[in-house]
């Protein structure tokens, strides 16, 4: 199979996995399958906060910071949004009491964005206020493209009153370059990710190579002097060793201070690369996910390595 054929197959495989992530029937079946439950343990230490806390203790002992995210999205009841908000308020209290360097990352639809935008903002503000009181930090995660404008609005409103809040942006969207330029004057904290939702080619780069190059270009933009002078903090959220090395070279060449960036990765992925960054003295923060609603998130993680698709499908359905 030639390189172009392999690339086409990988692209189709990724799209298939992302489509599977939203299939309710498959989710209900797969979450009861022993193979899937064993496989997902690679990406998360357990379903409960206590599991995440233990993993964060181990990471901190190795010089690695942590971000917690409770899995779940597109909640359908206001009481669920209140429950999520209270959960994260408690998390910030508990990590402070434990002396852990743990931030939180929350999806707007977990706070009620689909139900009531103002309620969602009030819930977010409660979290940001608690983060300020605890010297912590709240990351607003980015969901699929229909939510981008509303999420940016939430961030701008929260950032206007506090520096303890940041936002994730997706390098595969064409619009992200402009969004970054709009946010730089605010002194924004931005976690740049590649993007993990199934988006049409009209709004997102369909080829991995183009996404990678855009990721590098956007990262460099946020590491330049004017951005740093404005107070920009960049989270370089990639597991790609080529991008990691390219950006490390840029950082060293331009004397970017460690206070201006962190590498950001996921628990259980590219552990040797994570260890390499720590040995090199690079700031690193690893996201630990937990919770019962893990199937869509798990499938999006698999989509990052779509060569696994046939093995996964065989074990889930076969």
C-alpha atoms as a PDB file:
ATOM      1  CA  UNK A   1       0.000   0.000   0.000  1.00  0.00           C
ATOM      2  CA  UNK A   2       1.450   3.363  -1.048  1.00  0.00           C
ATOM      3  CA  UNK A   3       1.803   6.377   1.231  1.00  0.00           C
ATOM      4  CA  UNK A   4      -1.205   8.109  -0.324  1.00  0.00           C
ATOM      5  CA  UNK A   5      -3.356   5.008   0.128  1.00  0.00           C
ATOM      6  CA  UNK A   6      -2.280   4.731   3.748  1.00  0.00           C
ATOM      7  CA  UNK A   7      -3.088   8.389   4.292  1.00  0.00           C
ATOM      8  CA  UNK A   8      -6.534   7.952   2.747  1.00  0.00           C
ATOM      9  CA  UNK A   9      -7.214   4.884   4.874  1.00  0.00           C
ATOM     10  CA  UNK A  10      -6.160   6.685   8.053  1.00  0.00           C
ATOM     11  CA  UNK A  11      -8.424   9.602   7.210  1.00  0.00           C
ATOM     12  CA  UNK A  12     -11.409   7.322   6.607  1.00  0.00           C
ATOM     13  CA  UNK A  13     -10.640   5.371   9.767  1.00  0.00           C
ATOM     14  CA  UNK A  14     -10.537   8.551  11.835  1.00  0.00           C
ATOM     15  CA  UNK A  15     -13.885   9.686  10.443  1.00  0.00           C
ATOM     16  CA  UNK A  16     -15.381   6.277  11.232  1.00  0.00           C
ATOM     17  CA  UNK A  17     -14.183   6.395  14.835  1.00  0.00           C
ATOM     18  CA  UNK A  18     -15.499   9.919  15.317  1.00  0.00           C
ATOM     19  CA  UNK A  19     -18.872   8.898  13.901  1.00  0.00           C
ATOM     20  CA  UNK A  20     -18.927   5.903  16.238  1.00  0.00           C
ATOM     21  CA  UNK A  21     -18.310   8.215  19.204  1.00  0.00           C
ATOM     22  CA  UNK A  22     -21.806   9.683  18.825  1.00  0.00           C
ATOM     23  CA  UNK A  23     -23.658   6.373  18.316  1.00  0.00           C
ATOM     24  CA  UNK A  24     -25.878   5.714  21.329  1.00  0.00           C
ATOM     25  CA  UNK A  25     -26.444   2.025  20.580  1.00  0.00           C
ATOM     26  CA  UNK A  26     -22.722   1.409  20.278  1.00  0.00           C
ATOM     27  CA  UNK A  27     -22.015   3.357  23.453  1.00  0.00           C
ATOM     28  CA  UNK A  28     -24.482   1.314  25.485  1.00  0.00           C
ATOM     29  CA  UNK A  29     -23.086  -1.954  24.145  1.00  0.00           C
ATOM     30  CA  UNK A  30     -19.411  -1.047  24.287  1.00  0.00           C
ATOM     31  CA  UNK A  31     -19.422   0.260  27.858  1.00  0.00           C
ATOM     32  CA  UNK A  32     -20.479  -3.210  29.036  1.00  0.00           C
ATOM     33  CA  UNK A  33     -17.724  -4.944  27.065  1.00  0.00           C
ATOM     34  CA  UNK A  34     -14.730  -6.151  29.076  1.00  0.00           C
ATOM     35  CA  UNK A  35     -12.315  -5.469  26.215  1.00  0.00           C
ATOM     36  CA  UNK A  36     -13.310  -1.814  25.957  1.00  0.00           C
ATOM     37  CA  UNK A  37     -13.215  -1.272  29.708  1.00  0.00           C
ATOM     38  CA  UNK A  38      -9.706  -2.723  29.842  1.00  0.00           C
ATOM     39  CA  UNK A  39      -8.629  -0.618  26.883  1.00  0.00           C
ATOM     40  CA  UNK A  40      -9.960   2.650  28.264  1.00  0.00           C
ATOM     41  CA  UNK A  41      -7.924   2.179  31.463  1.00  0.00           C
ATOM     42  CA  UNK A  42      -4.916   3.157  29.359  1.00  0.00           C
ATOM     43  CA  UNK A  43      -6.304   6.685  29.085  1.00  0.00           C
ATOM     44  CA  UNK A  44      -7.798   7.198  32.554  1.00  0.00           C
ATOM     45  CA  UNK A  45      -6.803   5.876  35.994  1.00  0.00           C
ATOM     46  CA  UNK A  46     -10.428   5.226  36.991  1.00  0.00           C
ATOM     47  CA  UNK A  47     -13.969   6.536  36.916  1.00  0.00           C
ATOM     48  CA  UNK A  48     -13.847   8.358  40.263  1.00  0.00           C
ATOM     49  CA  UNK A  49     -12.254  11.552  41.531  1.00  0.00           C
ATOM     50  CA  UNK A  50     -10.296   9.554  44.096  1.00  0.00           C
ATOM     51  CA  UNK A  51      -8.633   7.634  41.245  1.00  0.00           C
ATOM     52  CA  UNK A  52      -7.652  10.912  39.589  1.00  0.00           C
ATOM     53  CA  UNK A  53      -6.329  12.307  42.893  1.00  0.00           C
ATOM     54  CA  UNK A  54      -4.023   9.332  43.379  1.00  0.00           C
ATOM     55  CA  UNK A  55      -2.706   9.701  39.836  1.00  0.00           C
ATOM     56  CA  UNK A  56      -2.149  13.434  40.358  1.00  0.00           C
ATOM     57  CA  UNK A  57      -0.094  12.736  43.493  1.00  0.00           C
ATOM     58  CA  UNK A  58       2.131  10.391  41.485  1.00  0.00           C
ATOM     59  CA  UNK A  59       2.491  12.921  38.654  1.00  0.00           C
ATOM     60  CA  UNK A  60       3.394  15.736  41.012  1.00  0.00           C
ATOM     61  CA  UNK A  61       6.117  13.582  42.575  1.00  0.00           C
ATOM     62  CA  UNK A  62       7.610  13.375  39.076  1.00  0.00           C
ATOM     63  CA  UNK A  63       7.465  17.131  38.552  1.00  0.00           C
ATOM     64  CA  UNK A  64       4.342  17.070  36.382  1.00  0.00           C
ATOM     65  CA  UNK A  65       1.301  19.295  36.881  1.00  0.00           C
ATOM     66  CA  UNK A  66      -2.248  18.079  36.329  1.00  0.00           C
ATOM     67  CA  UNK A  67      -5.574  19.130  34.858  1.00  0.00           C
ATOM     68  CA  UNK A  68      -8.743  17.323  35.966  1.00  0.00           C
ATOM     69  CA  UNK A  69     -11.773  16.931  33.732  1.00  0.00           C
ATOM     70  CA  UNK A  70     -14.929  15.058  34.647  1.00  0.00           C
ATOM     71  CA  UNK A  71     -16.213  13.445  31.479  1.00  0.00           C
ATOM     72  CA  UNK A  72     -19.642  14.352  30.152  1.00  0.00           C
ATOM     73  CA  UNK A  73     -21.221  16.827  27.742  1.00  0.00           C
ATOM     74  CA  UNK A  74     -24.547  18.079  26.387  1.00  0.00           C
ATOM     75  CA  UNK A  75     -26.403  17.794  29.683  1.00  0.00           C
ATOM     76  CA  UNK A  76     -30.178  17.895  29.388  1.00  0.00           C
ATOM     77  CA  UNK A  77     -31.283  19.057  32.859  1.00  0.00           C
ATOM     78  CA  UNK A  78     -30.462  22.139  34.903  1.00  0.00           C
ATOM     79  CA  UNK A  79     -29.945  20.098  38.042  1.00  0.00           C
ATOM     80  CA  UNK A  80     -27.180  18.179  36.234  1.00  0.00           C
ATOM     81  CA  UNK A  81     -25.396  21.445  35.450  1.00  0.00           C
ATOM     82  CA  UNK A  82     -25.672  22.447  39.099  1.00  0.00           C
ATOM     83  CA  UNK A  83     -24.253  19.076  40.141  1.00  0.00           C
ATOM     84  CA  UNK A  84     -21.262  19.490  37.817  1.00  0.00           C
ATOM     85  CA  UNK A  85     -20.618  23.015  39.103  1.00  0.00           C
ATOM     86  CA  UNK A  86     -20.711  21.894  42.722  1.00  0.00           C
ATOM     87  CA  UNK A  87     -18.438  18.989  41.882  1.00  0.00           C
ATOM     88  CA  UNK A  88     -15.741  21.260  40.474  1.00  0.00           C
ATOM     89  CA  UNK A  89     -16.067  23.682  43.383  1.00  0.00           C
ATOM     90  CA  UNK A  90     -15.410  20.739  45.690  1.00  0.00           C
ATOM     91  CA  UNK A  91     -12.517  19.573  43.523  1.00  0.00           C
ATOM     92  CA  UNK A  92     -10.740  22.909  43.897  1.00  0.00           C
ATOM     93  CA  UNK A  93     -11.189  22.785  47.661  1.00  0.00           C
ATOM     94  CA  UNK A  94      -9.875  19.232  47.841  1.00  0.00           C
ATOM     95  CA  UNK A  95      -6.810  19.712  45.665  1.00  0.00           C
ATOM     96  CA  UNK A  96      -5.819  22.784  47.662  1.00  0.00           C
ATOM     97  CA  UNK A  97      -6.182  20.845  50.913  1.00  0.00           C
ATOM     98  CA  UNK A  98      -4.026  18.070  49.430  1.00  0.00           C
ATOM     99  CA  UNK A  99      -1.378  20.510  48.210  1.00  0.00           C
ATOM    100  CA  UNK A 100      -1.754  19.423  44.589  1.00  0.00           C
ATOM    101  CA  UNK A 101      -0.936  21.460  41.469  1.00  0.00           C
ATOM    102  CA  UNK A 102      -4.229  20.575  39.791  1.00  0.00           C
ATOM    103  CA  UNK A 103      -6.261  22.831  37.519  1.00  0.00           C
ATOM    104  CA  UNK A 104      -9.707  22.004  36.122  1.00  0.00           C
ATOM    105  CA  UNK A 105     -11.105  21.888  32.589  1.00  0.00           C
ATOM    106  CA  UNK A 106     -14.839  22.016  31.957  1.00  0.00           C
ATOM    107  CA  UNK A 107     -17.047  21.874  28.872  1.00  0.00           C
ATOM    108  CA  UNK A 108     -19.633  24.665  28.579  1.00  0.00           C
ATOM    109  CA  UNK A 109     -22.387  22.127  27.847  1.00  0.00           C
ATOM    110  CA  UNK A 110     -21.592  20.580  31.247  1.00  0.00           C
ATOM    111  CA  UNK A 111     -22.491  23.917  32.808  1.00  0.00           C
ATOM    112  CA  UNK A 112     -25.792  24.202  30.959  1.00  0.00           C
ATOM    113  CA  UNK A 113     -24.924  25.976  27.695  1.00  0.00           C
ATOM    114  CA  UNK A 114     -27.545  23.999  25.743  1.00  0.00           C
ATOM    115  CA  UNK A 115     -30.218  24.948  28.284  1.00  0.00           C
ATOM    116  CA  UNK A 116     -29.599  28.529  29.406  1.00  0.00           C
ATOM    117  CA  UNK A 117     -26.607  30.636  28.323  1.00  0.00           C
ATOM    118  CA  UNK A 118     -26.835  33.028  31.259  1.00  0.00           C
ATOM    119  CA  UNK A 119     -27.077  30.176  33.731  1.00  0.00           C
ATOM    120  CA  UNK A 120     -24.042  28.623  32.078  1.00  0.00           C
ATOM    121  CA  UNK A 121     -22.092  31.845  32.515  1.00  0.00           C
ATOM    122  CA  UNK A 122     -23.130  32.144  36.170  1.00  0.00           C
ATOM    123  CA  UNK A 123     -21.948  28.602  36.797  1.00  0.00           C
ATOM    124  CA  UNK A 124     -18.658  29.349  35.049  1.00  0.00           C
ATOM    125  CA  UNK A 125     -18.237  32.524  37.069  1.00  0.00           C
ATOM    126  CA  UNK A 126     -18.720  30.568  40.286  1.00  0.00           C
ATOM    127  CA  UNK A 127     -15.853  28.311  39.245  1.00  0.00           C
ATOM    128  CA  UNK A 128     -13.603  31.200  38.234  1.00  0.00           C
ATOM    129  CA  UNK A 129     -14.307  32.991  41.517  1.00  0.00           C
ATOM    130  CA  UNK A 130     -13.403  29.850  43.479  1.00  0.00           C
ATOM    131  CA  UNK A 131     -10.266  29.438  41.377  1.00  0.00           C
ATOM    132  CA  UNK A 132      -9.229  33.003  42.219  1.00  0.00           C
ATOM    133  CA  UNK A 133      -9.830  32.367  45.917  1.00  0.00           C
ATOM    134  CA  UNK A 134      -7.797  29.149  45.791  1.00  0.00           C
ATOM    135  CA  UNK A 135      -5.030  30.413  43.441  1.00  0.00           C
ATOM    136  CA  UNK A 136      -6.214  27.814  40.950  1.00  0.00           C
ATOM    137  CA  UNK A 137      -7.219  27.974  37.296  1.00  0.00           C
ATOM    138  CA  UNK A 138     -10.226  27.079  35.126  1.00  0.00           C
ATOM    139  CA  UNK A 139      -9.837  25.944  31.520  1.00  0.00           C
ATOM    140  CA  UNK A 140     -12.874  26.209  29.261  1.00  0.00           C
ATOM    141  CA  UNK A 141     -12.787  23.248  26.924  1.00  0.00           C
ATOM    142  CA  UNK A 142     -13.820  23.645  23.299  1.00  0.00           C
ATOM    143  CA  UNK A 143     -16.496  21.399  21.826  1.00  0.00           C
ATOM    144  CA  UNK A 144     -17.640  20.956  18.235  1.00  0.00           C
ATOM    145  CA  UNK A 145     -17.788  23.892  15.808  1.00  0.00           C
ATOM    146  CA  UNK A 146     -21.388  25.035  16.495  1.00  0.00           C
ATOM    147  CA  UNK A 147     -20.269  25.938  20.031  1.00  0.00           C
ATOM    148  CA  UNK A 148     -17.203  28.003  19.179  1.00  0.00           C
ATOM    149  CA  UNK A 149     -18.794  31.459  19.169  1.00  0.00           C
ATOM    150  CA  UNK A 150     -20.750  30.876  22.374  1.00  0.00           C
ATOM    151  CA  UNK A 151     -17.668  29.469  24.087  1.00  0.00           C
ATOM    152  CA  UNK A 152     -15.534  32.425  23.039  1.00  0.00           C
ATOM    153  CA  UNK A 153     -18.199  34.759  24.413  1.00  0.00           C
ATOM    154  CA  UNK A 154     -18.146  32.918  27.740  1.00  0.00           C
ATOM    155  CA  UNK A 155     -14.387  33.230  27.903  1.00  0.00           C
ATOM    156  CA  UNK A 156     -14.310  36.927  27.053  1.00  0.00           C
ATOM    157  CA  UNK A 157     -16.894  37.701  29.716  1.00  0.00           C
ATOM    158  CA  UNK A 158     -15.064  35.673  32.351  1.00  0.00           C
ATOM    159  CA  UNK A 159     -11.627  36.985  31.345  1.00  0.00           C
ATOM    160  CA  UNK A 160     -12.826  40.585  31.620  1.00  0.00           C
ATOM    161  CA  UNK A 161     -13.067  40.103  35.377  1.00  0.00           C
ATOM    162  CA  UNK A 162     -10.397  37.518  36.126  1.00  0.00           C
ATOM    163  CA  UNK A 163      -7.039  36.184  34.959  1.00  0.00           C
ATOM    164  CA  UNK A 164      -7.777  32.740  36.408  1.00  0.00           C
ATOM    165  CA  UNK A 165      -9.471  31.418  33.270  1.00  0.00           C
ATOM    166  CA  UNK A 166      -8.252  30.094  29.926  1.00  0.00           C
ATOM    167  CA  UNK A 167      -9.721  28.586  26.784  1.00  0.00           C
ATOM    168  CA  UNK A 168      -8.956  25.717  24.413  1.00  0.00           C
ATOM    169  CA  UNK A 169      -8.787  26.456  20.674  1.00  0.00           C
ATOM    170  CA  UNK A 170      -8.616  23.924  17.847  1.00  0.00           C
ATOM    171  CA  UNK A 171      -5.894  24.095  15.196  1.00  0.00           C
ATOM    172  CA  UNK A 172      -7.928  22.189  12.610  1.00  0.00           C
ATOM    173  CA  UNK A 173     -10.469  24.998  12.249  1.00  0.00           C
ATOM    174  CA  UNK A 174      -9.694  27.609   9.609  1.00  0.00           C
ATOM    175  CA  UNK A 175     -11.118  30.336  11.819  1.00  0.00           C
ATOM    176  CA  UNK A 176      -8.751  29.748  14.735  1.00  0.00           C
ATOM    177  CA  UNK A 177      -6.013  31.993  13.360  1.00  0.00           C
ATOM    178  CA  UNK A 178      -8.346  34.993  13.509  1.00  0.00           C
ATOM    179  CA  UNK A 179      -9.755  33.946  16.867  1.00  0.00           C
ATOM    180  CA  UNK A 180      -6.244  33.914  18.302  1.00  0.00           C
ATOM    181  CA  UNK A 181      -5.463  37.370  16.938  1.00  0.00           C
ATOM    182  CA  UNK A 182      -8.665  38.660  18.545  1.00  0.00           C
ATOM    183  CA  UNK A 183      -7.747  37.141  21.924  1.00  0.00           C
ATOM    184  CA  UNK A 184      -4.074  38.109  22.121  1.00  0.00           C
ATOM    185  CA  UNK A 185      -4.693  41.696  23.313  1.00  0.00           C
ATOM    186  CA  UNK A 186      -6.564  40.267  26.325  1.00  0.00           C
ATOM    187  CA  UNK A 187      -3.459  38.492  27.599  1.00  0.00           C
ATOM    188  CA  UNK A 188      -5.232  35.186  27.168  1.00  0.00           C
ATOM    189  CA  UNK A 189      -4.297  31.732  28.373  1.00  0.00           C
ATOM    190  CA  UNK A 190      -4.869  29.462  25.376  1.00  0.00           C
ATOM    191  CA  UNK A 191      -4.606  25.692  25.211  1.00  0.00           C
ATOM    192  CA  UNK A 192      -4.016  24.886  21.570  1.00  0.00           C
ATOM    193  CA  UNK A 193      -5.258  21.428  20.565  1.00  0.00           C
ATOM    194  CA  UNK A 194      -5.530  19.858  17.144  1.00  0.00           C
ATOM    195  CA  UNK A 195      -9.277  19.132  17.383  1.00  0.00           C
ATOM    196  CA  UNK A 196     -11.131  15.874  17.926  1.00  0.00           C
ATOM    197  CA  UNK A 197     -14.597  16.263  16.408  1.00  0.00           C
ATOM    198  CA  UNK A 198     -15.874  15.281  12.991  1.00  0.00           C
ATOM    199  CA  UNK A 199     -15.974  18.555  11.053  1.00  0.00           C
ATOM    200  CA  UNK A 200     -16.612  19.228   7.334  1.00  0.00           C
ATOM    201  CA  UNK A 201     -13.764  20.268   5.036  1.00  0.00           C
ATOM    202  CA  UNK A 202     -15.519  23.597   4.522  1.00  0.00           C
ATOM    203  CA  UNK A 203     -14.534  24.721   8.027  1.00  0.00           C
ATOM    204  CA  UNK A 204     -11.632  22.461   9.025  1.00  0.00           C
ATOM    205  CA  UNK A 205      -8.401  21.208   7.483  1.00  0.00           C
ATOM    206  CA  UNK A 206      -9.121  17.648   6.319  1.00  0.00           C
ATOM    207  CA  UNK A 207      -5.450  16.578   6.083  1.00  0.00           C
ATOM    208  CA  UNK A 208      -3.349  15.800   9.141  1.00  0.00           C
ATOM    209  CA  UNK A 209      -0.260  17.407   7.639  1.00  0.00           C
ATOM    210  CA  UNK A 210      -2.124  20.709   7.221  1.00  0.00           C
ATOM    211  CA  UNK A 211      -3.439  20.554  10.783  1.00  0.00           C
ATOM    212  CA  UNK A 212       0.073  19.905  12.083  1.00  0.00           C
ATOM    213  CA  UNK A 213       1.518  22.823  10.153  1.00  0.00           C
ATOM    214  CA  UNK A 214      -1.246  25.144  11.327  1.00  0.00           C
ATOM    215  CA  UNK A 215      -0.657  23.999  14.902  1.00  0.00           C
ATOM    216  CA  UNK A 216       3.011  24.913  14.600  1.00  0.00           C
ATOM    217  CA  UNK A 217       2.278  28.270  12.969  1.00  0.00           C
ATOM    218  CA  UNK A 218      -0.328  29.258  15.566  1.00  0.00           C
ATOM    219  CA  UNK A 219       1.886  28.146  18.444  1.00  0.00           C
ATOM    220  CA  UNK A 220       4.770  30.235  17.142  1.00  0.00           C
ATOM    221  CA  UNK A 221       2.459  33.219  16.828  1.00  0.00           C
ATOM    222  CA  UNK A 222       1.524  32.948  20.505  1.00  0.00           C
ATOM    223  CA  UNK A 223       5.170  32.618  21.540  1.00  0.00           C
ATOM    224  CA  UNK A 224       6.317  35.816  19.822  1.00  0.00           C
ATOM    225  CA  UNK A 225       7.291  38.941  21.680  1.00  0.00           C
ATOM    226  CA  UNK A 226       4.131  41.011  21.307  1.00  0.00           C
ATOM    227  CA  UNK A 227       1.936  38.110  22.443  1.00  0.00           C
ATOM    228  CA  UNK A 228       4.135  37.422  25.462  1.00  0.00           C
ATOM    229  CA  UNK A 229       4.244  41.116  26.340  1.00  0.00           C
ATOM    230  CA  UNK A 230       0.436  41.113  26.386  1.00  0.00           C
ATOM    231  CA  UNK A 231       0.526  38.250  28.896  1.00  0.00           C
ATOM    232  CA  UNK A 232      -0.288  35.276  26.678  1.00  0.00           C
ATOM    233  CA  UNK A 233       0.125  31.804  28.194  1.00  0.00           C
ATOM    234  CA  UNK A 234       0.285  28.933  25.709  1.00  0.00           C
ATOM    235  CA  UNK A 235      -0.541  25.318  26.456  1.00  0.00           C
ATOM    236  CA  UNK A 236       1.060  23.252  23.688  1.00  0.00           C
ATOM    237  CA  UNK A 237      -1.360  20.328  23.639  1.00  0.00           C
ATOM    238  CA  UNK A 238       0.146  17.717  21.344  1.00  0.00           C
ATOM    239  CA  UNK A 239       1.621  14.218  21.574  1.00  0.00           C
ATOM    240  CA  UNK A 240       3.424  14.545  18.240  1.00  0.00           C
ATOM    241  CA  UNK A 241       7.190  14.282  18.911  1.00  0.00           C
ATOM    242  CA  UNK A 242       7.988  16.178  15.717  1.00  0.00           C
ATOM    243  CA  UNK A 243       5.858  19.143  16.771  1.00  0.00           C
ATOM    244  CA  UNK A 244       7.197  18.929  20.314  1.00  0.00           C
ATOM    245  CA  UNK A 245      10.783  19.154  19.045  1.00  0.00           C
ATOM    246  CA  UNK A 246      10.069  21.868  16.481  1.00  0.00           C
ATOM    247  CA  UNK A 247       8.436  24.058  19.094  1.00  0.00           C
ATOM    248  CA  UNK A 248      11.158  23.354  21.642  1.00  0.00           C
ATOM    249  CA  UNK A 249      13.672  24.628  19.090  1.00  0.00           C
ATOM    250  CA  UNK A 250      11.584  27.752  18.483  1.00  0.00           C
ATOM    251  CA  UNK A 251      11.286  28.343  22.222  1.00  0.00           C
ATOM    252  CA  UNK A 252      15.024  28.044  22.759  1.00  0.00           C
ATOM    253  CA  UNK A 253      15.899  30.146  19.721  1.00  0.00           C
ATOM    254  CA  UNK A 254      13.612  32.973  20.806  1.00  0.00           C
ATOM    255  CA  UNK A 255      14.422  32.698  24.534  1.00  0.00           C
ATOM    256  CA  UNK A 256      10.789  32.166  25.486  1.00  0.00           C
ATOM    257  CA  UNK A 257      10.528  32.059  29.302  1.00  0.00           C
ATOM    258  CA  UNK A 258       9.125  28.939  30.946  1.00  0.00           C
ATOM    259  CA  UNK A 259       6.410  31.065  32.534  1.00  0.00           C
ATOM    260  CA  UNK A 260       4.927  31.679  29.056  1.00  0.00           C
ATOM    261  CA  UNK A 261       4.187  28.103  28.037  1.00  0.00           C
ATOM    262  CA  UNK A 262       3.504  24.550  29.143  1.00  0.00           C
ATOM    263  CA  UNK A 263       3.374  21.361  27.178  1.00  0.00           C
ATOM    264  CA  UNK A 264       0.018  19.665  27.734  1.00  0.00           C
ATOM    265  CA  UNK A 265      -0.663  15.974  27.211  1.00  0.00           C
ATOM    266  CA  UNK A 266      -3.161  13.291  28.174  1.00  0.00           C
ATOM    267  CA  UNK A 267      -2.723  10.686  30.863  1.00  0.00           C
ATOM    268  CA  UNK A 268      -1.273   7.452  29.513  1.00  0.00           C
ATOM    269  CA  UNK A 269      -0.317   8.759  26.067  1.00  0.00           C
ATOM    270  CA  UNK A 270       3.304   9.154  24.949  1.00  0.00           C
ATOM    271  CA  UNK A 271       4.694   8.500  28.418  1.00  0.00           C
ATOM    272  CA  UNK A 272       8.299   8.264  27.163  1.00  0.00           C
ATOM    273  CA  UNK A 273       7.895  11.670  25.517  1.00  0.00           C
ATOM    274  CA  UNK A 274       6.437  13.077  28.726  1.00  0.00           C
ATOM    275  CA  UNK A 275       9.438  11.774  30.655  1.00  0.00           C
ATOM    276  CA  UNK A 276      11.764  13.267  28.050  1.00  0.00           C
ATOM    277  CA  UNK A 277      10.191  16.712  28.512  1.00  0.00           C
ATOM    278  CA  UNK A 278      10.527  16.514  32.284  1.00  0.00           C
ATOM    279  CA  UNK A 279      14.196  15.503  32.027  1.00  0.00           C
ATOM    280  CA  UNK A 280      14.780  18.453  29.701  1.00  0.00           C
ATOM    281  CA  UNK A 281      13.253  20.817  32.257  1.00  0.00           C
ATOM    282  CA  UNK A 282      10.242  21.672  30.098  1.00  0.00           C
ATOM    283  CA  UNK A 283       7.051  22.597  31.979  1.00  0.00           C
ATOM    284  CA  UNK A 284       4.470  19.829  31.509  1.00  0.00           C
ATOM    285  CA  UNK A 285       0.860  19.446  32.598  1.00  0.00           C
ATOM    286  CA  UNK A 286      -1.036  16.198  32.020  1.00  0.00           C
ATOM    287  CA  UNK A 287      -4.823  16.013  31.781  1.00  0.00           C
ATOM    288  CA  UNK A 288      -6.510  13.263  33.781  1.00  0.00           C
ATOM    289  CA  UNK A 289     -10.071  12.404  32.804  1.00  0.00           C
ATOM    290  CA  UNK A 290     -12.495  10.504  35.005  1.00  0.00           C
ATOM    291  CA  UNK A 291     -16.208   9.796  35.228  1.00  0.00           C
ATOM    292  CA  UNK A 292     -18.747   7.311  33.898  1.00  0.00           C
ATOM    293  CA  UNK A 293     -19.483   9.092  30.609  1.00  0.00           C
ATOM    294  CA  UNK A 294     -16.232   8.068  28.991  1.00  0.00           C
ATOM    295  CA  UNK A 295     -17.214   6.376  25.715  1.00  0.00           C
ATOM    296  CA  UNK A 296     -17.342   9.421  23.352  1.00  0.00           C
ATOM    297  CA  UNK A 297     -14.100  10.733  24.828  1.00  0.00           C
ATOM    298  CA  UNK A 298     -12.480   7.300  24.478  1.00  0.00           C
ATOM    299  CA  UNK A 299     -13.456   7.017  20.819  1.00  0.00           C
ATOM    300  CA  UNK A 300     -12.058  10.466  20.088  1.00  0.00           C
ATOM    301  CA  UNK A 301      -8.774   9.352  21.665  1.00  0.00           C
ATOM    302  CA  UNK A 302      -8.728   6.268  19.455  1.00  0.00           C
ATOM    303  CA  UNK A 303      -9.339   8.496  16.439  1.00  0.00           C
ATOM    304  CA  UNK A 304      -5.922  10.008  17.081  1.00  0.00           C
ATOM    305  CA  UNK A 305      -4.503   6.582  16.124  1.00  0.00           C
ATOM    306  CA  UNK A 306      -7.081   5.276  13.627  1.00  0.00           C
ATOM    307  CA  UNK A 307      -4.957   2.284  12.607  1.00  0.00           C
ATOM    308  CA  UNK A 308      -6.584   0.577  15.594  1.00  0.00           C
ATOM    309  CA  UNK A 309     -10.068   0.783  14.083  1.00  0.00           C
ATOM    310  CA  UNK A 310     -10.450  -2.791  12.815  1.00  0.00           C
ATOM    311  CA  UNK A 311      -9.103  -4.299  16.000  1.00  0.00           C
ATOM    312  CA  UNK A 312     -11.451  -2.161  18.085  1.00  0.00           C
ATOM    313  CA  UNK A 313     -14.523  -2.781  15.941  1.00  0.00           C
ATOM    314  CA  UNK A 314     -13.916  -6.541  15.956  1.00  0.00           C
ATOM    315  CA  UNK A 315     -13.713  -6.652  19.732  1.00  0.00           C
ATOM    316  CA  UNK A 316     -16.703  -4.387  20.347  1.00  0.00           C
ATOM    317  CA  UNK A 317     -19.160  -5.864  17.880  1.00  0.00           C
ATOM    318  CA  UNK A 318     -17.753  -9.296  17.121  1.00  0.00           C
END
